[in-house]
Amino acid sequence: MADLGEIEDALGVLIDSGTPLENITVLHCNTEYPTPFEDVNLRAMQTIGHAFGVAIGYSDHTPGIEVAVAARNIRKGEAFSVENLSIKRPGTGISPMRWDDILKMSASRAFREDENICL
């Protein structure tokens, strides 16, 4: 329930308290439970990331798994990005603690939508 100004204020508190920007991830989350599909607005994550230069993520409260798995195929050599990766449970793939490292890499082979990424 925050607008960009409120997100900026919250980030300011964290940064003023000594948290490095690279250690901050802002999650886009809708406050309606369950969230109707028409209110998901996944592009809000990109807006937040571009506005503040922070890592972004999505906290899903939609019924089912459709939004959480709105990943896509990744071509060999394509850079990993917030648009083509997702973090899911159970944790059978790469640890989400490596998120920032993975975003600096490219795919060594093609991956199908929803396939676990292996390096």
N, C-alpha and C. Protein backbone atom coordinates (compact mmCIF):
# COMPACT_ATOMS: atom_id res chain seq x y z
N MET A 1 0.81 -1.18 0.00
CA MET A 1 0.00 0.00 0.00
C MET A 1 0.86 1.25 0.00
N ALA A 2 1.98 1.17 -0.69
CA ALA A 2 2.90 2.32 -0.73
C ALA A 2 3.01 2.84 -2.14
N ASP A 3 3.13 4.15 -2.26
CA ASP A 3 3.43 4.73 -3.57
C ASP A 3 4.94 4.89 -3.66
N LEU A 4 5.43 5.35 -4.81
CA LEU A 4 6.88 5.46 -5.00
C LEU A 4 7.54 6.39 -3.98
N GLY A 5 6.86 7.44 -3.58
CA GLY A 5 7.41 8.34 -2.56
C GLY A 5 7.59 7.65 -1.22
N GLU A 6 6.63 6.82 -0.85
CA GLU A 6 6.74 6.10 0.42
C GLU A 6 7.82 5.03 0.36
N ILE A 7 7.98 4.39 -0.80
CA ILE A 7 9.08 3.43 -0.97
C ILE A 7 10.41 4.15 -0.84
N GLU A 8 10.50 5.32 -1.46
CA GLU A 8 11.73 6.12 -1.36
C GLU A 8 12.03 6.47 0.10
N ASP A 9 11.01 6.85 0.87
CA ASP A 9 11.20 7.17 2.29
C ASP A 9 11.69 5.96 3.08
N ALA A 10 11.08 4.79 2.81
CA ALA A 10 11.48 3.57 3.52
C ALA A 10 12.91 3.19 3.18
N LEU A 11 13.28 3.32 1.91
CA LEU A 11 14.66 3.03 1.52
C LEU A 11 15.63 4.00 2.20
N GLY A 12 15.23 5.25 2.32
CA GLY A 12 16.06 6.24 3.00
C GLY A 12 16.34 5.86 4.45
N VAL A 13 15.31 5.35 5.13
CA VAL A 13 15.50 4.90 6.52
C VAL A 13 16.51 3.78 6.58
N LEU A 14 16.38 2.81 5.68
CA LEU A 14 17.31 1.68 5.67
C LEU A 14 18.74 2.13 5.35
N ILE A 15 18.88 2.95 4.34
CA ILE A 15 20.21 3.42 3.94
C ILE A 15 20.83 4.30 5.02
N ASP A 16 20.03 5.19 5.61
CA ASP A 16 20.53 6.04 6.70
C ASP A 16 20.94 5.23 7.92
N SER A 17 20.36 4.04 8.05
CA SER A 17 20.70 3.15 9.18
C SER A 17 21.90 2.27 8.87
N GLY A 18 22.47 2.43 7.67
CA GLY A 18 23.69 1.70 7.35
C GLY A 18 23.51 0.49 6.44
N THR A 19 22.31 0.25 5.94
CA THR A 19 22.10 -0.89 5.05
C THR A 19 22.54 -0.52 3.64
N PRO A 20 23.50 -1.25 3.08
CA PRO A 20 23.93 -0.96 1.71
C PRO A 20 22.79 -1.24 0.73
N LEU A 21 22.64 -0.40 -0.28
CA LEU A 21 21.58 -0.55 -1.27
C LEU A 21 21.59 -1.94 -1.90
N GLU A 22 22.78 -2.49 -2.13
CA GLU A 22 22.86 -3.81 -2.76
C GLU A 22 22.34 -4.93 -1.85
N ASN A 23 22.09 -4.64 -0.59
CA ASN A 23 21.53 -5.64 0.33
C ASN A 23 20.03 -5.48 0.51
N ILE A 24 19.42 -4.61 -0.26
CA ILE A 24 17.99 -4.35 -0.12
C ILE A 24 17.23 -4.94 -1.31
N THR A 25 16.16 -5.66 -1.02
CA THR A 25 15.24 -6.17 -2.04
C THR A 25 13.86 -5.65 -1.70
N VAL A 26 13.21 -5.02 -2.66
CA VAL A 26 11.85 -4.51 -2.46
C VAL A 26 10.89 -5.48 -3.15
N LEU A 27 9.91 -5.98 -2.40
CA LEU A 27 8.93 -6.90 -2.95
C LEU A 27 7.65 -6.16 -3.32
N HIS A 28 7.14 -6.46 -4.50
CA HIS A 28 5.83 -5.96 -4.91
C HIS A 28 4.80 -6.93 -4.35
N CYS A 29 3.83 -6.41 -3.62
CA CYS A 29 2.82 -7.26 -3.00
C CYS A 29 1.48 -6.53 -3.04
N ASN A 30 0.45 -7.23 -3.43
CA ASN A 30 -0.89 -6.67 -3.41
C ASN A 30 -1.52 -7.00 -2.06
N THR A 31 -2.27 -6.08 -1.50
CA THR A 31 -2.80 -6.28 -0.14
C THR A 31 -4.14 -6.99 -0.11
N GLU A 32 -4.71 -7.32 -1.27
CA GLU A 32 -5.98 -8.03 -1.28
C GLU A 32 -5.71 -9.53 -1.30
N TYR A 33 -6.34 -10.28 -0.40
CA TYR A 33 -6.14 -11.72 -0.27
C TYR A 33 -7.45 -12.44 -0.52
N PRO A 34 -7.53 -13.31 -1.51
CA PRO A 34 -6.52 -13.50 -2.55
C PRO A 34 -6.57 -12.34 -3.54
N THR A 35 -5.48 -12.13 -4.22
CA THR A 35 -5.39 -11.05 -5.19
C THR A 35 -6.05 -11.47 -6.50
N PRO A 36 -7.00 -10.69 -7.00
CA PRO A 36 -7.56 -11.00 -8.32
C PRO A 36 -6.49 -10.84 -9.40
N PHE A 37 -6.52 -11.70 -10.40
CA PHE A 37 -5.50 -11.67 -11.44
C PHE A 37 -5.38 -10.30 -12.10
N GLU A 38 -6.49 -9.61 -12.27
CA GLU A 38 -6.44 -8.31 -12.95
C GLU A 38 -5.75 -7.23 -12.12
N ASP A 39 -5.47 -7.51 -10.84
CA ASP A 39 -4.80 -6.54 -9.96
C ASP A 39 -3.34 -6.88 -9.69
N VAL A 40 -2.80 -7.92 -10.32
CA VAL A 40 -1.44 -8.39 -10.02
C VAL A 40 -0.38 -7.34 -10.38
N ASN A 41 -0.40 -6.80 -11.58
CA ASN A 41 0.51 -5.74 -12.02
C ASN A 41 1.99 -6.07 -11.79
N LEU A 42 2.46 -7.12 -12.45
CA LEU A 42 3.85 -7.53 -12.30
C LEU A 42 4.84 -6.47 -12.77
N ARG A 43 4.41 -5.58 -13.65
CA ARG A 43 5.31 -4.53 -14.13
C ARG A 43 5.68 -3.53 -13.03
N ALA A 44 4.93 -3.53 -11.94
CA ALA A 44 5.27 -2.64 -10.82
C ALA A 44 6.66 -2.95 -10.31
N MET A 45 7.07 -4.22 -10.35
CA MET A 45 8.41 -4.59 -9.90
C MET A 45 9.47 -3.87 -10.75
N GLN A 46 9.27 -3.86 -12.06
CA GLN A 46 10.23 -3.21 -12.94
C GLN A 46 10.28 -1.71 -12.66
N THR A 47 9.14 -1.11 -12.43
CA THR A 47 9.09 0.32 -12.11
C THR A 47 9.89 0.61 -10.84
N ILE A 48 9.70 -0.20 -9.82
CA ILE A 48 10.42 -0.03 -8.56
C ILE A 48 11.93 -0.22 -8.77
N GLY A 49 12.30 -1.28 -9.48
CA GLY A 49 13.71 -1.54 -9.73
C GLY A 49 14.39 -0.42 -10.49
N HIS A 50 13.73 0.09 -11.53
CA HIS A 50 14.30 1.18 -12.32
C HIS A 50 14.35 2.49 -11.53
N ALA A 51 13.33 2.74 -10.71
CA ALA A 51 13.27 4.00 -9.97
C ALA A 51 14.35 4.09 -8.90
N PHE A 52 14.68 2.95 -8.27
CA PHE A 52 15.56 3.01 -7.09
C PHE A 52 16.84 2.20 -7.22
N GLY A 53 17.00 1.45 -8.29
CA GLY A 53 18.22 0.67 -8.46
C GLY A 53 18.39 -0.42 -7.43
N VAL A 54 17.27 -1.01 -6.99
CA VAL A 54 17.31 -2.07 -5.99
C VAL A 54 16.91 -3.40 -6.62
N ALA A 55 17.26 -4.48 -5.94
CA ALA A 55 16.76 -5.79 -6.32
C ALA A 55 15.26 -5.81 -6.04
N ILE A 56 14.52 -6.52 -6.87
CA ILE A 56 13.07 -6.55 -6.72
C ILE A 56 12.57 -7.99 -6.69
N GLY A 57 11.37 -8.17 -6.19
CA GLY A 57 10.76 -9.48 -6.15
C GLY A 57 9.25 -9.34 -6.05
N TYR A 58 8.57 -10.47 -5.98
CA TYR A 58 7.12 -10.49 -5.96
C TYR A 58 6.65 -11.39 -4.84
N SER A 59 5.75 -10.90 -4.03
CA SER A 59 5.11 -11.68 -2.98
C SER A 59 3.70 -12.01 -3.46
N ASP A 60 3.48 -13.25 -3.85
CA ASP A 60 2.25 -13.66 -4.53
C ASP A 60 1.14 -14.05 -3.55
N HIS A 61 -0.04 -13.49 -3.80
CA HIS A 61 -1.22 -13.84 -3.00
C HIS A 61 -2.41 -14.16 -3.89
N THR A 62 -2.12 -14.59 -5.13
CA THR A 62 -3.18 -14.99 -6.04
C THR A 62 -3.56 -16.45 -5.76
N PRO A 63 -4.77 -16.84 -6.12
CA PRO A 63 -5.10 -18.27 -5.99
C PRO A 63 -4.34 -19.06 -7.06
N GLY A 64 -3.96 -20.27 -6.75
CA GLY A 64 -3.27 -21.10 -7.73
C GLY A 64 -1.82 -20.73 -7.88
N ILE A 65 -1.22 -21.22 -8.98
CA ILE A 65 0.22 -21.01 -9.20
C ILE A 65 0.51 -20.25 -10.48
N GLU A 66 -0.51 -19.80 -11.21
CA GLU A 66 -0.30 -19.21 -12.52
C GLU A 66 0.63 -18.01 -12.50
N VAL A 67 0.44 -17.08 -11.58
CA VAL A 67 1.26 -15.87 -11.57
C VAL A 67 2.68 -16.19 -11.11
N ALA A 68 2.80 -17.03 -10.10
CA ALA A 68 4.14 -17.36 -9.58
C ALA A 68 5.01 -18.06 -10.62
N VAL A 69 4.40 -18.76 -11.56
CA VAL A 69 5.19 -19.48 -12.57
C VAL A 69 5.14 -18.76 -13.92
N ALA A 70 4.91 -17.44 -13.91
CA ALA A 70 4.87 -16.69 -15.16
C ALA A 70 6.29 -16.43 -15.64
N ALA A 71 7.10 -17.52 -15.50
CA ALA A 71 8.44 -17.46 -16.07
C ALA A 71 8.34 -17.64 -17.57
N ARG A 72 9.48 -17.74 -18.49
CA ARG A 72 9.40 -18.00 -19.92
C ARG A 72 10.66 -18.76 -20.29
N ASN A 73 10.73 -19.28 -21.55
CA ASN A 73 11.94 -19.97 -22.00
C ASN A 73 13.12 -19.01 -21.99
N ILE A 74 14.31 -19.55 -21.72
CA ILE A 74 15.55 -18.77 -21.72
C ILE A 74 16.44 -19.36 -22.80
N ARG A 75 16.92 -18.51 -23.69
CA ARG A 75 17.79 -18.95 -24.79
C ARG A 75 19.24 -19.08 -24.31
N LYS A 76 19.97 -19.96 -24.94
CA LYS A 76 21.40 -20.09 -24.66
C LYS A 76 22.07 -18.74 -24.88
N GLY A 77 22.88 -18.30 -23.92
CA GLY A 77 23.60 -17.04 -24.01
C GLY A 77 22.81 -15.84 -23.50
N GLU A 78 21.51 -16.02 -23.26
CA GLU A 78 20.69 -14.91 -22.75
C GLU A 78 21.08 -14.59 -21.31
N ALA A 79 21.12 -13.32 -20.99
CA ALA A 79 21.44 -12.91 -19.62
C ALA A 79 20.28 -13.27 -18.71
N PHE A 80 20.58 -13.80 -17.53
CA PHE A 80 19.56 -14.04 -16.53
C PHE A 80 19.08 -12.69 -16.01
N SER A 81 17.78 -12.58 -15.77
CA SER A 81 17.22 -11.30 -15.34
C SER A 81 15.97 -11.54 -14.50
N VAL A 82 15.45 -10.47 -13.91
CA VAL A 82 14.22 -10.58 -13.13
C VAL A 82 13.04 -10.93 -14.03
N GLU A 83 13.17 -10.72 -15.33
CA GLU A 83 12.09 -11.05 -16.26
C GLU A 83 12.06 -12.53 -16.62
N ASN A 84 13.17 -13.25 -16.46
CA ASN A 84 13.17 -14.65 -16.89
C ASN A 84 13.50 -15.64 -15.76
N LEU A 85 13.65 -15.16 -14.55
CA LEU A 85 13.90 -16.04 -13.41
C LEU A 85 12.83 -15.86 -12.35
N SER A 86 12.67 -16.87 -11.52
CA SER A 86 11.78 -16.76 -10.37
C SER A 86 12.32 -17.64 -9.25
N ILE A 87 11.90 -17.35 -8.05
CA ILE A 87 12.27 -18.15 -6.89
C ILE A 87 11.02 -18.89 -6.45
N LYS A 88 11.16 -20.20 -6.26
CA LYS A 88 10.01 -21.03 -5.93
C LYS A 88 10.34 -21.99 -4.81
N ARG A 89 9.30 -22.47 -4.16
CA ARG A 89 9.44 -23.52 -3.16
C ARG A 89 8.86 -24.80 -3.73
N PRO A 90 9.31 -25.99 -3.38
CA PRO A 90 10.44 -26.21 -2.48
C PRO A 90 11.75 -25.88 -3.15
N GLY A 91 12.77 -25.66 -2.35
CA GLY A 91 14.05 -25.21 -2.86
C GLY A 91 14.89 -26.31 -3.47
N THR A 92 14.55 -26.74 -4.67
CA THR A 92 15.32 -27.81 -5.31
C THR A 92 16.30 -27.28 -6.36
N GLY A 93 16.27 -25.99 -6.62
CA GLY A 93 17.18 -25.40 -7.61
C GLY A 93 18.31 -24.67 -6.92
N ILE A 94 18.72 -23.57 -7.51
CA ILE A 94 19.78 -22.74 -6.95
C ILE A 94 19.23 -21.96 -5.77
N SER A 95 20.01 -21.80 -4.74
CA SER A 95 19.58 -21.06 -3.56
C SER A 95 19.25 -19.61 -3.92
N PRO A 96 18.13 -19.09 -3.40
CA PRO A 96 17.81 -17.67 -3.64
C PRO A 96 18.85 -16.73 -3.04
N MET A 97 19.68 -17.21 -2.15
CA MET A 97 20.75 -16.39 -1.59
C MET A 97 21.78 -16.02 -2.66
N ARG A 98 21.76 -16.74 -3.80
CA ARG A 98 22.71 -16.47 -4.89
C ARG A 98 22.10 -15.57 -5.97
N TRP A 99 20.91 -15.00 -5.71
CA TRP A 99 20.17 -14.21 -6.70
C TRP A 99 21.05 -13.16 -7.39
N ASP A 100 21.74 -12.34 -6.62
CA ASP A 100 22.55 -11.27 -7.21
C ASP A 100 23.67 -11.83 -8.08
N ASP A 101 24.27 -12.95 -7.66
CA ASP A 101 25.32 -13.57 -8.46
C ASP A 101 24.77 -14.10 -9.78
N ILE A 102 23.59 -14.71 -9.74
CA ILE A 102 22.99 -15.30 -10.93
C ILE A 102 22.64 -14.21 -11.94
N LEU A 103 22.19 -13.04 -11.45
CA LEU A 103 21.82 -11.96 -12.35
C LEU A 103 23.01 -11.39 -13.12
N LYS A 104 24.21 -11.77 -12.74
CA LYS A 104 25.41 -11.33 -13.45
C LYS A 104 25.85 -12.36 -14.50
N MET A 105 25.08 -13.44 -14.64
CA MET A 105 25.47 -14.55 -15.53
C MET A 105 24.55 -14.65 -16.73
N SER A 106 24.99 -15.46 -17.69
CA SER A 106 24.19 -15.79 -18.87
C SER A 106 23.97 -17.29 -18.91
N ALA A 107 22.93 -17.70 -19.60
CA ALA A 107 22.59 -19.13 -19.70
C ALA A 107 23.62 -19.87 -20.54
N SER A 108 24.17 -20.94 -19.99
CA SER A 108 25.15 -21.75 -20.72
C SER A 108 24.45 -22.67 -21.73
N ARG A 109 23.13 -22.81 -21.58
CA ARG A 109 22.32 -23.60 -22.51
C ARG A 109 20.89 -23.06 -22.45
N ALA A 110 20.05 -23.55 -23.31
CA ALA A 110 18.64 -23.14 -23.29
C ALA A 110 17.93 -23.82 -22.12
N PHE A 111 16.98 -23.10 -21.51
CA PHE A 111 16.15 -23.66 -20.45
C PHE A 111 14.69 -23.48 -20.83
N ARG A 112 13.89 -24.52 -20.57
CA ARG A 112 12.45 -24.42 -20.80
C ARG A 112 11.80 -23.64 -19.68
N GLU A 113 10.66 -23.05 -19.97
CA GLU A 113 9.89 -22.34 -18.94
C GLU A 113 9.67 -23.27 -17.76
N ASP A 114 9.92 -22.76 -16.57
CA ASP A 114 9.69 -23.47 -15.30
C ASP A 114 10.70 -24.59 -15.02
N GLU A 115 11.76 -24.68 -15.81
CA GLU A 115 12.81 -25.68 -15.57
C GLU A 115 13.78 -25.13 -14.53
N ASN A 116 14.26 -26.01 -13.62
CA ASN A 116 15.28 -25.59 -12.67
C ASN A 116 16.53 -25.16 -13.41
N ILE A 117 17.13 -24.07 -12.98
CA ILE A 117 18.37 -23.57 -13.57
C ILE A 117 19.54 -24.29 -12.91
N CYS A 118 20.43 -24.81 -13.71
CA CYS A 118 21.66 -25.40 -13.19
C CYS A 118 22.83 -24.70 -13.86
N LEU A 119 23.86 -24.49 -13.09
CA LEU A 119 25.03 -23.77 -13.62
C LEU A 119 26.15 -24.73 -13.92
